[in-house]
Amino acid sequence: QVQLVESGGGLVQPGGSLRLTCATSISIFSTVNMGWYRQSPGKQRELVAAITPSGTTNYADSVKGRFTISRDNAKNTMYLQMNTLKPEDTAVYYCNRKFGALNWGQGTQVTVSS
């Protein structure tokens, strides 16, 4: 049963922008902490951004000032606005509950290259 579906990735040039979407079927979505994660070959999956039920956010140092996480509790949906993208942002991006993770979705590939 698919509960997490990431979309919005693609190929962009350095300095470009992308907006990722995480569509969920989490019945209590409005009550759970959520996060965006990314993983590149040879690296551990890392938490990029997190958001509380009330909308409080936190970011990895590597993306602070460039990425914005948000959520729409009415739509059970989360977003990641990525601006001023850098080649090192290249990764597969995933969403999940921060605590009590569900099965991971397929992720969405973000490639930043000139």
N, C-alpha and C. Protein backbone atom coordinates (compact mmCIF):
# COMPACT_ATOMS: atom_id res chain seq x y z
N GLN A 1 0.85 -1.19 0.00
CA GLN A 1 0.00 0.00 0.00
C GLN A 1 0.89 1.25 0.00
N VAL A 2 0.79 2.04 -1.04
CA VAL A 2 1.59 3.24 -1.17
C VAL A 2 1.04 4.32 -0.26
N GLN A 3 1.88 4.80 0.63
CA GLN A 3 1.47 5.85 1.55
C GLN A 3 2.28 7.13 1.39
N LEU A 4 3.38 7.06 0.66
CA LEU A 4 4.24 8.21 0.44
C LEU A 4 4.63 8.26 -1.03
N VAL A 5 4.32 9.35 -1.68
CA VAL A 5 4.63 9.50 -3.09
C VAL A 5 5.32 10.84 -3.30
N GLU A 6 6.59 10.78 -3.66
CA GLU A 6 7.38 11.98 -3.92
C GLU A 6 7.35 12.30 -5.41
N SER A 7 7.33 13.58 -5.71
CA SER A 7 7.34 14.01 -7.10
C SER A 7 7.96 15.40 -7.20
N GLY A 8 8.26 15.81 -8.40
CA GLY A 8 8.74 17.16 -8.65
C GLY A 8 10.22 17.27 -8.95
N GLY A 9 10.95 16.17 -8.86
CA GLY A 9 12.36 16.22 -9.16
C GLY A 9 12.62 16.40 -10.64
N GLY A 10 13.88 16.58 -10.96
CA GLY A 10 14.26 16.77 -12.34
C GLY A 10 15.69 17.23 -12.46
N LEU A 11 16.05 17.63 -13.66
CA LEU A 11 17.38 18.13 -13.97
C LEU A 11 17.33 19.64 -14.06
N VAL A 12 18.17 20.29 -13.28
CA VAL A 12 18.24 21.75 -13.30
C VAL A 12 19.69 22.19 -13.28
N GLN A 13 19.92 23.40 -13.77
CA GLN A 13 21.25 23.97 -13.73
C GLN A 13 21.55 24.55 -12.35
N PRO A 14 22.83 24.63 -11.99
CA PRO A 14 23.16 25.30 -10.73
C PRO A 14 22.52 26.68 -10.65
N GLY A 15 21.99 26.98 -9.47
CA GLY A 15 21.28 28.23 -9.28
C GLY A 15 19.79 28.14 -9.56
N GLY A 16 19.35 27.04 -10.12
CA GLY A 16 17.95 26.86 -10.43
C GLY A 16 17.13 26.45 -9.24
N SER A 17 15.84 26.22 -9.49
CA SER A 17 14.90 25.89 -8.43
C SER A 17 14.04 24.70 -8.81
N LEU A 18 13.60 23.98 -7.80
CA LEU A 18 12.63 22.91 -7.95
C LEU A 18 11.71 22.93 -6.74
N ARG A 19 10.50 22.44 -6.93
CA ARG A 19 9.55 22.29 -5.84
C ARG A 19 9.12 20.83 -5.78
N LEU A 20 9.47 20.16 -4.70
CA LEU A 20 9.11 18.78 -4.50
C LEU A 20 7.80 18.67 -3.72
N THR A 21 7.04 17.64 -4.04
CA THR A 21 5.78 17.38 -3.37
C THR A 21 5.80 15.98 -2.78
N CYS A 22 5.29 15.85 -1.58
CA CYS A 22 5.12 14.57 -0.91
C CYS A 22 3.63 14.40 -0.63
N ALA A 23 3.02 13.49 -1.35
CA ALA A 23 1.61 13.17 -1.14
C ALA A 23 1.53 11.95 -0.23
N THR A 24 0.72 12.05 0.81
CA THR A 24 0.63 10.97 1.79
C THR A 24 -0.80 10.50 1.96
N SER A 25 -0.91 9.30 2.52
CA SER A 25 -2.21 8.78 2.94
C SER A 25 -2.21 8.54 4.44
N ILE A 26 -1.47 9.34 5.16
CA ILE A 26 -1.38 9.23 6.61
C ILE A 26 -2.62 9.85 7.22
N SER A 27 -3.40 9.02 7.89
CA SER A 27 -4.69 9.48 8.40
C SER A 27 -4.55 10.54 9.48
N ILE A 28 -3.45 10.49 10.23
CA ILE A 28 -3.21 11.47 11.27
C ILE A 28 -2.06 12.40 10.87
N PHE A 29 -1.99 12.70 9.60
CA PHE A 29 -0.90 13.51 9.06
C PHE A 29 -0.72 14.81 9.83
N SER A 30 -1.81 15.42 10.20
CA SER A 30 -1.73 16.72 10.84
C SER A 30 -1.09 16.68 12.22
N THR A 31 -0.90 15.49 12.79
CA THR A 31 -0.36 15.35 14.14
C THR A 31 1.07 14.84 14.18
N VAL A 32 1.70 14.59 13.04
CA VAL A 32 3.01 13.95 13.04
C VAL A 32 4.09 14.88 12.50
N ASN A 33 5.28 14.71 13.06
CA ASN A 33 6.45 15.37 12.52
C ASN A 33 6.84 14.70 11.20
N MET A 34 7.16 15.51 10.22
CA MET A 34 7.53 15.01 8.91
C MET A 34 8.91 15.54 8.53
N GLY A 35 9.53 14.85 7.59
CA GLY A 35 10.82 15.29 7.13
C GLY A 35 11.07 14.96 5.67
N TRP A 36 11.93 15.75 5.06
CA TRP A 36 12.50 15.45 3.76
C TRP A 36 13.91 14.93 3.96
N TYR A 37 14.22 13.84 3.27
CA TYR A 37 15.52 13.20 3.35
C TYR A 37 16.12 13.11 1.95
N ARG A 38 17.41 12.95 1.89
CA ARG A 38 18.04 12.70 0.60
C ARG A 38 19.17 11.70 0.76
N GLN A 39 19.46 11.01 -0.34
CA GLN A 39 20.52 10.02 -0.33
C GLN A 39 21.23 10.01 -1.67
N SER A 40 22.55 10.03 -1.62
CA SER A 40 23.39 9.91 -2.80
C SER A 40 24.18 8.62 -2.68
N PRO A 41 24.64 8.07 -3.81
CA PRO A 41 25.44 6.84 -3.75
C PRO A 41 26.64 6.99 -2.82
N GLY A 42 26.84 5.99 -1.98
CA GLY A 42 27.96 5.99 -1.06
C GLY A 42 27.77 6.83 0.18
N LYS A 43 26.61 7.43 0.34
CA LYS A 43 26.35 8.27 1.49
C LYS A 43 25.13 7.76 2.25
N GLN A 44 25.11 8.02 3.54
CA GLN A 44 23.93 7.72 4.33
C GLN A 44 22.79 8.65 3.96
N ARG A 45 21.59 8.16 4.13
CA ARG A 45 20.44 9.02 3.99
C ARG A 45 20.48 10.09 5.08
N GLU A 46 20.28 11.32 4.69
CA GLU A 46 20.35 12.42 5.64
C GLU A 46 19.04 13.19 5.68
N LEU A 47 18.73 13.69 6.84
CA LEU A 47 17.57 14.55 7.01
C LEU A 47 17.92 15.94 6.53
N VAL A 48 17.16 16.42 5.58
CA VAL A 48 17.40 17.73 4.99
C VAL A 48 16.59 18.81 5.69
N ALA A 49 15.34 18.51 5.96
CA ALA A 49 14.44 19.48 6.56
C ALA A 49 13.35 18.74 7.31
N ALA A 50 12.88 19.34 8.38
CA ALA A 50 11.82 18.74 9.18
C ALA A 50 10.79 19.79 9.53
N ILE A 51 9.58 19.33 9.78
CA ILE A 51 8.50 20.24 10.10
C ILE A 51 7.57 19.59 11.11
N THR A 52 7.18 20.35 12.12
CA THR A 52 6.28 19.86 13.15
C THR A 52 4.84 20.01 12.69
N PRO A 53 3.90 19.41 13.43
CA PRO A 53 2.49 19.58 13.06
C PRO A 53 2.06 21.04 12.96
N SER A 54 2.63 21.89 13.79
CA SER A 54 2.23 23.29 13.80
C SER A 54 2.98 24.14 12.79
N GLY A 55 3.98 23.55 12.12
CA GLY A 55 4.69 24.28 11.09
C GLY A 55 6.06 24.78 11.48
N THR A 56 6.55 24.44 12.66
CA THR A 56 7.91 24.80 13.03
C THR A 56 8.89 23.99 12.19
N THR A 57 9.91 24.64 11.67
CA THR A 57 10.82 24.00 10.73
C THR A 57 12.25 23.97 11.24
N ASN A 58 13.01 23.03 10.70
CA ASN A 58 14.43 22.96 10.97
C ASN A 58 15.12 22.42 9.72
N TYR A 59 16.35 22.84 9.51
CA TYR A 59 17.06 22.50 8.28
C TYR A 59 18.49 22.06 8.57
N ALA A 60 18.97 21.18 7.72
CA ALA A 60 20.39 20.88 7.73
C ALA A 60 21.17 22.12 7.35
N ASP A 61 22.36 22.25 7.94
CA ASP A 61 23.17 23.43 7.65
C ASP A 61 23.43 23.61 6.16
N SER A 62 23.54 22.51 5.45
CA SER A 62 23.88 22.58 4.05
C SER A 62 22.81 23.22 3.18
N VAL A 63 21.58 23.29 3.69
CA VAL A 63 20.48 23.82 2.87
C VAL A 63 19.82 25.05 3.49
N LYS A 64 20.25 25.45 4.65
CA LYS A 64 19.65 26.62 5.30
C LYS A 64 19.75 27.84 4.41
N GLY A 65 18.65 28.56 4.33
CA GLY A 65 18.60 29.76 3.52
C GLY A 65 18.25 29.50 2.07
N ARG A 66 18.27 28.24 1.65
CA ARG A 66 17.98 27.91 0.27
C ARG A 66 16.72 27.07 0.11
N PHE A 67 16.45 26.19 1.07
CA PHE A 67 15.30 25.29 1.01
C PHE A 67 14.24 25.75 2.00
N THR A 68 12.99 25.51 1.65
CA THR A 68 11.87 25.79 2.54
C THR A 68 10.93 24.60 2.56
N ILE A 69 10.70 24.05 3.74
CA ILE A 69 9.76 22.96 3.91
C ILE A 69 8.42 23.53 4.37
N SER A 70 7.35 22.97 3.88
CA SER A 70 6.02 23.41 4.28
C SER A 70 5.07 22.22 4.21
N ARG A 71 3.90 22.41 4.78
CA ARG A 71 2.90 21.35 4.76
C ARG A 71 1.52 21.94 4.64
N ASP A 72 0.63 21.17 4.04
CA ASP A 72 -0.77 21.52 3.94
C ASP A 72 -1.54 20.38 4.59
N ASN A 73 -1.90 20.58 5.84
CA ASN A 73 -2.55 19.51 6.59
C ASN A 73 -3.91 19.13 6.01
N ALA A 74 -4.58 20.08 5.40
CA ALA A 74 -5.87 19.78 4.78
C ALA A 74 -5.74 18.84 3.60
N LYS A 75 -4.57 18.83 2.98
CA LYS A 75 -4.33 17.98 1.82
C LYS A 75 -3.42 16.79 2.11
N ASN A 76 -2.99 16.64 3.36
CA ASN A 76 -2.04 15.58 3.73
C ASN A 76 -0.81 15.61 2.83
N THR A 77 -0.32 16.80 2.58
CA THR A 77 0.74 16.99 1.61
C THR A 77 1.84 17.87 2.18
N MET A 78 3.07 17.56 1.80
CA MET A 78 4.23 18.31 2.24
C MET A 78 5.02 18.74 1.01
N TYR A 79 5.73 19.85 1.14
CA TYR A 79 6.47 20.40 0.03
C TYR A 79 7.90 20.74 0.44
N LEU A 80 8.76 20.79 -0.54
CA LEU A 80 10.11 21.28 -0.35
C LEU A 80 10.45 22.19 -1.51
N GLN A 81 10.51 23.48 -1.23
CA GLN A 81 10.93 24.45 -2.22
C GLN A 81 12.45 24.56 -2.15
N MET A 82 13.11 24.29 -3.25
CA MET A 82 14.56 24.28 -3.31
C MET A 82 15.01 25.37 -4.27
N ASN A 83 15.73 26.34 -3.74
CA ASN A 83 16.24 27.44 -4.54
C ASN A 83 17.76 27.44 -4.51
N THR A 84 18.33 28.16 -5.44
CA THR A 84 19.79 28.29 -5.53
C THR A 84 20.45 26.92 -5.43
N LEU A 85 19.98 26.01 -6.24
CA LEU A 85 20.46 24.64 -6.17
C LEU A 85 21.93 24.54 -6.56
N LYS A 86 22.61 23.63 -5.89
CA LYS A 86 24.03 23.38 -6.11
C LYS A 86 24.23 21.94 -6.56
N PRO A 87 25.32 21.66 -7.26
CA PRO A 87 25.57 20.27 -7.66
C PRO A 87 25.55 19.29 -6.50
N GLU A 88 26.00 19.71 -5.34
CA GLU A 88 26.00 18.82 -4.19
C GLU A 88 24.61 18.51 -3.64
N ASP A 89 23.59 19.18 -4.15
CA ASP A 89 22.22 18.85 -3.80
C ASP A 89 21.71 17.64 -4.59
N THR A 90 22.47 17.19 -5.56
CA THR A 90 22.06 16.04 -6.36
C THR A 90 21.88 14.82 -5.47
N ALA A 91 20.71 14.22 -5.54
CA ALA A 91 20.37 13.08 -4.70
C ALA A 91 18.96 12.62 -5.04
N VAL A 92 18.60 11.47 -4.48
CA VAL A 92 17.20 11.06 -4.48
C VAL A 92 16.58 11.59 -3.20
N TYR A 93 15.48 12.27 -3.34
CA TYR A 93 14.81 12.90 -2.20
C TYR A 93 13.59 12.09 -1.80
N TYR A 94 13.45 11.87 -0.50
CA TYR A 94 12.37 11.09 0.07
C TYR A 94 11.67 11.88 1.16
N CYS A 95 10.42 11.55 1.38
CA CYS A 95 9.72 12.09 2.54
C CYS A 95 9.30 10.94 3.44
N ASN A 96 9.11 11.25 4.71
CA ASN A 96 8.64 10.25 5.65
C ASN A 96 8.29 10.92 6.97
N ARG A 97 7.61 10.15 7.82
CA ARG A 97 7.46 10.58 9.20
C ARG A 97 8.82 10.60 9.86
N LYS A 98 9.06 11.60 10.68
CA LYS A 98 10.34 11.69 11.36
C LYS A 98 10.45 10.61 12.43
N PHE A 99 9.35 10.29 13.07
CA PHE A 99 9.30 9.25 14.09
C PHE A 99 8.33 8.17 13.63
N GLY A 100 8.75 6.92 13.76
CA GLY A 100 7.90 5.83 13.30
C GLY A 100 7.73 5.83 11.80
N ALA A 101 8.85 5.73 11.09
CA ALA A 101 8.83 5.84 9.63
C ALA A 101 7.98 4.76 8.99
N LEU A 102 7.29 5.15 7.95
CA LEU A 102 6.57 4.22 7.10
C LEU A 102 7.53 3.61 6.09
N ASN A 103 7.05 2.64 5.33
CA ASN A 103 7.85 2.14 4.22
C ASN A 103 8.20 3.30 3.30
N TRP A 104 9.45 3.35 2.89
CA TRP A 104 9.91 4.45 2.06
C TRP A 104 9.30 4.38 0.67
N GLY A 105 9.00 5.53 0.14
CA GLY A 105 8.49 5.61 -1.22
C GLY A 105 9.58 5.47 -2.24
N GLN A 106 9.25 5.78 -3.48
CA GLN A 106 10.21 5.62 -4.57
C GLN A 106 11.24 6.75 -4.62
N GLY A 107 10.94 7.84 -3.96
CA GLY A 107 11.80 9.01 -4.02
C GLY A 107 11.67 9.73 -5.35
N THR A 108 12.27 10.90 -5.41
CA THR A 108 12.31 11.65 -6.66
C THR A 108 13.73 12.16 -6.88
N GLN A 109 14.23 11.94 -8.07
CA GLN A 109 15.62 12.28 -8.38
C GLN A 109 15.76 13.77 -8.65
N VAL A 110 16.71 14.38 -7.98
CA VAL A 110 17.10 15.76 -8.24
C VAL A 110 18.53 15.75 -8.73
N THR A 111 18.74 16.29 -9.91
CA THR A 111 20.07 16.38 -10.48
C THR A 111 20.37 17.83 -10.81
N VAL A 112 21.45 18.33 -10.25
CA VAL A 112 21.86 19.71 -10.47
C VAL A 112 23.18 19.68 -11.22
N SER A 113 23.14 20.09 -12.45
CA SER A 113 24.31 19.99 -13.31
C SER A 113 24.21 21.00 -14.44
N SER A 114 25.35 21.52 -14.85
CA SER A 114 25.41 22.40 -15.99
C SER A 114 25.71 21.64 -17.27
